[in-house]
Protein backbone atom coordinates (compact mmCIF):
# COMPACT_ATOMS: atom_id res chain seq x y z
CA UNK A 1 5.40 -13.59 -6.45
CA UNK A 2 6.90 -11.73 -3.52
CA UNK A 3 9.93 -12.85 -1.55
CA UNK A 4 8.29 -11.34 1.54
CA UNK A 5 6.53 -13.48 4.11
CA UNK A 6 2.85 -12.90 4.75
CA UNK A 7 3.74 -11.18 8.03
CA UNK A 8 6.16 -8.85 6.22
CA UNK A 9 3.52 -8.08 3.59
CA UNK A 10 0.98 -7.25 6.32
CA UNK A 11 3.46 -4.91 8.02
CA UNK A 12 4.41 -3.27 4.71
CA UNK A 13 0.76 -2.75 3.75
CA UNK A 14 -0.24 -1.23 7.08
CA UNK A 15 2.84 0.99 7.29
CA UNK A 16 2.35 2.23 3.73
CA UNK A 17 -1.30 3.05 4.41
CA UNK A 18 -0.41 4.89 7.65
CA UNK A 19 2.16 6.97 5.81
CA UNK A 20 -0.19 7.88 2.97
CA UNK A 21 -2.89 8.74 5.53
CA UNK A 22 -0.42 11.02 7.34
CA UNK A 23 0.23 12.72 4.00
CA UNK A 24 -3.55 13.30 3.80
CA UNK A 25 -3.84 11.75 0.35
CA UNK A 26 -7.24 11.10 -1.16
CA UNK A 27 -8.24 7.53 -2.00
CA UNK A 28 -7.77 8.14 -5.73
CA UNK A 29 -4.28 9.52 -5.14
CA UNK A 30 -3.35 6.47 -3.04
CA UNK A 31 -4.65 4.13 -5.70
CA UNK A 32 -2.68 5.92 -8.40
CA UNK A 33 0.56 6.12 -6.41
CA UNK A 34 0.41 2.41 -5.61
CA UNK A 35 -0.51 1.48 -9.17
CA UNK A 36 -3.66 -0.32 -8.07
CA UNK A 37 -6.30 -1.11 -10.69
CA UNK A 38 -9.10 1.42 -11.19
CA UNK A 39 -11.60 -1.10 -9.84
CA UNK A 40 -10.06 -0.70 -6.35
CA UNK A 41 -12.35 1.57 -4.38
CA UNK A 42 -12.13 3.38 -1.04
CA UNK A 43 -13.65 0.34 0.72
CA UNK A 44 -10.73 -1.77 -0.44
CA UNK A 45 -8.27 0.81 0.81
CA UNK A 46 -9.96 0.64 4.22
CA UNK A 47 -9.40 -3.13 4.24
CA UNK A 48 -5.70 -2.56 3.59
CA UNK A 49 -5.58 -0.44 6.74
CA UNK A 50 -6.84 -3.28 8.88
CA UNK A 51 -6.43 -6.85 7.65
CA UNK A 52 -5.79 -7.29 3.93
CA UNK A 53 -2.43 -7.08 2.18
CA UNK A 54 -1.70 -5.36 -1.10
CA UNK A 55 -1.96 -7.60 -4.17
CA UNK A 56 1.12 -9.78 -4.58
CA UNK A 57 2.45 -7.90 -7.61
CA UNK A 58 6.05 -6.71 -8.00
CA UNK A 59 5.05 -3.22 -9.20
CA UNK A 60 2.81 -2.58 -6.19
CA UNK A 61 5.46 -3.90 -3.80
CA UNK A 62 8.10 -1.68 -5.46
CA UNK A 63 5.89 1.40 -5.13
CA UNK A 64 5.09 0.62 -1.48
CA UNK A 65 8.82 0.25 -0.82
CA UNK A 66 9.43 3.68 -2.37
CA UNK A 67 6.83 5.20 -0.03
CA UNK A 68 8.46 3.57 2.99
CA UNK A 69 11.90 4.83 1.90
CA UNK A 70 10.65 8.38 1.30
CA UNK A 71 9.01 8.46 4.72
CA UNK A 72 12.19 7.14 6.33
CA UNK A 73 14.43 9.72 4.68
């Protein structure tokens, strides 16, 4: 379980999606980079852009944090 608040998770999810969109990654590339299960489809990624948060899993949170750090470098 994440130490982040729901608000922080929402902000992290949206920022991560904006960054990956700016990198012009395909849905499959985004899914792979984040370590999301294969069952996650493009529709789910669209939901992450607007109102849903990434699954509350340490590996996904760690990968999202890497993306944010790379973009901030």
